[in-house]
Amino acid sequence: MESQAPRQSTLRTAVVSLVTAAIAAVVGFAAVYVTLGRPDNARSPASIAVPGTAAAQEPAKGLPKGPGANPLSRGQMAGFVFRNEPEALPAFKFQDAEGKEHTLADWNGKVLLLNLWATWCLPCRKEMPSLDRLQNEIGSDKFQVLALSVDRKGLEASRKFLEDIKVEKLGLYVDQSARATSDLRVVGLPATLLVDAQGREIGRLLGPAEWDGEDAKRLIRAALE
């Protein structure tokens, strides 16, 4: 009767070859992904301001341009993505606590930290106190945290949310239509946009953060320069 040993040896060789090929395929895919994804994670030459050009004359001084590693995108702000150039924002409407209608143009001349939130958003509840502390610490005639509820339950539900978590320094602003989320191309909450004094988006962070931490304050001070 023919020995089983040669068959087992052949089978083991075949299995090792298949596993090796699979690993090579995964490594190859990862290499392609990293190569193709690199423009999203590093500054390209086109995003660097050249003295004398329009980009170099933008008033947002000292701020990086475009995605990628830089001294300001670190720690709590590691996920903050800068625009290649400050970008004009749409004129969507929302209401204050008294029902008065506003647009972002009402804050022209101030740097804004525009935070979109909703009462059902647990990460929003977690980060809201840090936004309140930030407004208390550095809010001024040059800077404001504008926390905008996009909850369809409206003013009263949003007011109760802020009262429950004992927010003291943030105003109540509500977009019950949630139009702001589509106009600003926001796909999840919380979402926070840094807006310059001309009403243009400098960049954004998706997800919660400690906004009264040094990483965030360093970013905001750079926008105020």
Protein backbone atom coordinates (compact mmCIF):
# COMPACT_ATOMS: atom_id res chain seq x y z
CA MET A 1 0.00 0.00 0.00
CA GLU A 2 1.29 3.44 -0.89
CA SER A 3 2.73 5.45 2.07
CA GLN A 4 0.71 8.46 3.34
CA ALA A 5 3.85 10.48 4.17
CA PRO A 6 4.55 11.82 0.66
CA ARG A 7 0.87 12.84 0.32
CA GLN A 8 0.90 14.66 3.67
CA SER A 9 4.14 16.41 2.76
CA THR A 10 2.67 17.51 -0.57
CA LEU A 11 -0.49 18.76 1.18
CA ARG A 12 1.52 20.76 3.72
CA THR A 13 3.57 22.31 0.90
CA ALA A 14 0.39 23.31 -0.94
CA VAL A 15 -1.13 24.88 2.17
CA VAL A 16 2.05 26.86 2.92
CA SER A 17 2.10 28.12 -0.68
CA LEU A 18 -1.53 29.28 -0.48
CA VAL A 19 -0.99 31.07 2.84
CA THR A 20 2.16 32.76 1.49
CA ALA A 21 0.30 33.92 -1.61
CA ALA A 22 -2.57 35.28 0.49
CA ILE A 23 -0.20 37.26 2.72
CA ALA A 24 1.58 38.65 -0.31
CA ALA A 25 -1.74 39.73 -1.80
CA VAL A 26 -2.75 41.54 1.40
CA VAL A 27 0.63 43.28 1.65
CA GLY A 28 0.40 44.29 -1.99
CA PHE A 29 -3.10 45.72 -1.49
CA ALA A 30 -1.92 47.68 1.56
CA ALA A 31 0.98 49.10 -0.39
CA VAL A 32 -1.34 50.24 -3.18
CA TYR A 33 -3.79 51.76 -0.64
CA VAL A 34 -1.05 53.72 1.14
CA THR A 35 0.41 54.94 -2.16
CA LEU A 36 -2.93 56.05 -3.56
CA GLY A 37 -4.02 57.56 -0.24
CA ARG A 38 -0.90 59.64 0.33
CA PRO A 39 -2.29 62.88 -1.24
CA ASP A 40 -4.99 62.89 1.48
CA ASN A 41 -2.42 62.77 4.27
CA ALA A 42 0.37 65.08 3.15
CA ARG A 43 0.70 68.57 1.80
CA SER A 44 1.18 68.74 -1.93
CA PRO A 45 3.40 71.46 -3.48
CA ALA A 46 0.27 73.12 -4.85
CA SER A 47 -1.04 73.74 -1.32
CA ILE A 48 2.04 75.66 -0.17
CA ALA A 49 1.66 79.44 -0.27
CA VAL A 50 4.26 81.14 -2.47
CA PRO A 51 5.23 84.72 -1.54
CA GLY A 52 3.48 87.21 -3.78
CA THR A 53 0.62 84.87 -4.75
CA ALA A 54 -3.03 85.20 -3.72
CA ALA A 55 -2.66 82.24 -1.34
CA ALA A 56 0.19 83.97 0.47
CA GLN A 57 -1.98 87.06 0.97
CA GLU A 58 -4.83 85.28 2.78
CA PRO A 59 -5.58 86.86 6.15
CA ALA A 60 -5.59 83.51 8.04
CA LYS A 61 -1.96 83.92 9.12
CA GLY A 62 0.19 81.10 10.36
CA LEU A 63 -2.31 78.37 9.49
CA PRO A 64 -1.41 75.27 7.48
CA LYS A 65 -3.19 74.60 4.19
CA GLY A 66 -4.67 71.28 3.18
CA PRO A 67 -4.65 67.89 4.91
CA GLY A 68 -1.55 66.30 6.36
CA ALA A 69 0.76 66.43 9.35
CA ASN A 70 1.55 69.86 10.75
CA PRO A 71 2.31 71.41 14.16
CA LEU A 72 -1.36 72.27 14.81
CA SER A 73 -2.96 68.92 13.86
CA ARG A 74 -1.84 66.95 16.87
CA GLY A 75 -3.17 65.52 20.11
CA GLN A 76 -6.90 66.26 20.39
CA MET A 77 -6.68 68.08 17.06
CA ALA A 78 -4.98 65.23 15.17
CA GLY A 79 -8.14 64.71 13.13
CA PHE A 80 -8.60 68.39 12.25
CA VAL A 81 -8.43 68.82 8.46
CA PHE A 82 -7.46 72.20 7.02
CA ARG A 83 -8.90 73.48 3.75
CA ASN A 84 -6.40 74.14 0.98
CA GLU A 85 -7.74 77.70 1.07
CA PRO A 86 -10.38 79.30 3.34
CA GLU A 87 -13.72 78.33 1.80
CA ALA A 88 -16.91 80.42 1.72
CA LEU A 89 -19.84 78.84 3.58
CA PRO A 90 -23.48 78.74 2.44
CA ALA A 91 -26.02 81.15 3.94
CA PHE A 92 -28.29 78.66 5.74
CA LYS A 93 -30.70 80.01 8.35
CA PHE A 94 -31.21 79.12 12.01
CA GLN A 95 -32.90 80.55 15.11
CA ASP A 96 -31.76 81.80 18.49
CA ALA A 97 -33.45 81.15 21.85
CA GLU A 98 -36.10 83.81 21.13
CA GLY A 99 -36.88 82.49 17.66
CA LYS A 100 -35.01 85.26 15.85
CA GLU A 101 -33.58 84.20 12.50
CA HIS A 102 -29.82 84.30 11.82
CA THR A 103 -27.18 83.37 9.27
CA LEU A 104 -23.43 83.04 9.84
CA ALA A 105 -23.01 86.47 8.24
CA ASP A 106 -24.31 87.96 11.51
CA TRP A 107 -20.95 87.01 13.05
CA ASN A 108 -18.69 88.45 10.35
CA GLY A 109 -15.68 90.02 11.99
CA LYS A 110 -15.40 87.20 14.56
CA VAL A 111 -13.56 83.90 14.39
CA LEU A 112 -16.16 81.19 15.07
CA LEU A 113 -15.96 77.65 16.32
CA LEU A 114 -19.17 76.31 14.77
CA ASN A 115 -20.24 73.10 16.47
CA LEU A 116 -23.15 71.04 15.11
CA TRP A 117 -24.90 68.82 17.64
CA ALA A 118 -28.19 67.11 18.54
CA THR A 119 -29.86 65.97 21.76
CA TRP A 120 -29.71 62.28 20.77
CA CYS A 121 -25.94 62.43 20.12
CA LEU A 122 -24.06 60.94 23.09
CA PRO A 123 -20.61 62.20 21.97
CA CYS A 124 -22.16 65.67 21.71
CA ARG A 125 -23.23 65.45 25.35
CA LYS A 126 -19.71 64.40 26.32
CA GLU A 127 -17.91 67.27 24.55
CA MET A 128 -20.40 70.10 25.17
CA PRO A 129 -19.01 71.06 28.62
CA SER A 130 -15.56 71.59 27.08
CA LEU A 131 -17.08 73.94 24.50
CA ASP A 132 -18.79 75.82 27.33
CA ARG A 133 -15.49 76.13 29.22
CA LEU A 134 -13.73 77.29 26.05
CA GLN A 135 -16.29 80.06 25.52
CA ASN A 136 -15.93 81.08 29.14
CA GLU A 137 -12.14 81.21 28.91
CA ILE A 138 -11.44 82.86 25.55
CA GLY A 139 -14.80 84.09 24.24
CA SER A 140 -14.49 87.76 23.24
CA ASP A 141 -15.42 90.32 20.64
CA LYS A 142 -13.00 88.46 18.34
CA PHE A 143 -13.94 84.84 19.06
CA GLN A 144 -17.09 82.87 19.83
CA VAL A 145 -18.20 79.28 20.15
CA LEU A 146 -21.42 78.92 18.16
CA ALA A 147 -23.05 75.64 19.18
CA LEU A 148 -25.83 74.93 16.67
CA SER A 149 -28.40 72.25 17.40
CA VAL A 150 -29.63 70.44 14.28
CA ASP A 151 -32.18 68.48 16.29
CA ARG A 152 -35.58 68.21 14.62
CA LYS A 153 -37.26 68.34 18.05
CA GLY A 154 -36.63 72.07 18.02
CA LEU A 155 -35.89 74.81 20.54
CA GLU A 156 -37.39 73.38 23.72
CA ALA A 157 -35.69 69.99 23.48
CA SER A 158 -32.36 71.67 22.74
CA ARG A 159 -32.84 74.14 25.59
CA LYS A 160 -33.53 71.29 28.03
CA PHE A 161 -30.41 69.45 26.85
CA LEU A 162 -28.20 72.46 27.61
CA GLU A 163 -29.88 73.00 30.98
CA ASP A 164 -29.46 69.33 31.95
CA ILE A 165 -25.71 69.42 31.36
CA LYS A 166 -25.46 72.84 33.04
CA VAL A 167 -24.14 74.83 30.09
CA GLU A 168 -23.75 78.45 31.17
CA LYS A 169 -21.82 80.40 28.53
CA LEU A 170 -23.09 79.02 25.22
CA GLY A 171 -26.05 80.60 23.49
CA LEU A 172 -28.95 78.48 22.23
CA TYR A 173 -29.11 78.24 18.42
CA VAL A 174 -31.24 75.73 16.55
CA ASP A 175 -31.68 74.63 12.95
CA GLN A 176 -34.78 72.45 13.30
CA SER A 177 -34.76 71.70 9.56
CA ALA A 178 -31.22 70.25 9.89
CA ARG A 179 -30.48 72.00 6.60
CA ALA A 180 -27.06 73.00 7.95
CA THR A 181 -25.84 69.40 7.90
CA SER A 182 -26.41 69.03 4.15
CA ASP A 183 -25.31 72.57 3.28
CA LEU A 184 -22.06 72.06 5.21
CA ARG A 185 -21.61 68.48 3.90
CA VAL A 186 -21.58 67.03 7.41
CA VAL A 187 -22.13 63.27 7.58
CA GLY A 188 -22.04 62.72 11.36
CA LEU A 189 -22.28 64.48 14.71
CA PRO A 190 -20.66 66.20 16.42
CA ALA A 191 -18.94 68.17 13.69
CA THR A 192 -16.95 71.33 14.40
CA LEU A 193 -15.83 73.93 11.86
CA LEU A 194 -13.32 76.70 12.47
CA VAL A 195 -14.53 79.78 10.61
CA ASP A 196 -12.44 82.89 9.97
CA ALA A 197 -13.55 86.49 10.48
CA GLN A 198 -14.65 86.68 6.82
CA GLY A 199 -17.09 83.78 7.30
CA ARG A 200 -14.92 81.18 5.53
CA GLU A 201 -14.15 77.68 6.71
CA ILE A 202 -10.52 77.19 7.75
CA GLY A 203 -11.02 73.50 8.45
CA ARG A 204 -13.06 70.99 10.43
CA LEU A 205 -12.98 68.15 12.91
CA LEU A 206 -15.50 65.31 12.84
CA GLY A 207 -16.16 63.66 16.18
CA PRO A 208 -15.81 64.84 19.79
CA ALA A 209 -12.78 66.58 21.28
CA GLU A 210 -11.67 68.39 24.43
CA TRP A 211 -12.10 71.89 23.06
CA ASP A 212 -10.73 73.66 26.13
CA GLY A 213 -7.47 71.71 25.95
CA GLU A 214 -4.17 73.22 24.89
CA ASP A 215 -4.22 71.55 21.45
CA ALA A 216 -7.53 73.23 20.59
CA LYS A 217 -6.60 76.60 22.06
CA ARG A 218 -3.33 76.59 20.12
CA LEU A 219 -5.31 76.08 16.90
CA ILE A 220 -7.80 78.82 17.70
CA ARG A 221 -5.09 81.32 18.68
CA ALA A 222 -3.41 80.69 15.32
CA ALA A 223 -6.69 81.56 13.59
CA LEU A 224 -6.93 84.77 15.62
CA GLU A 225 -3.46 86.01 14.63
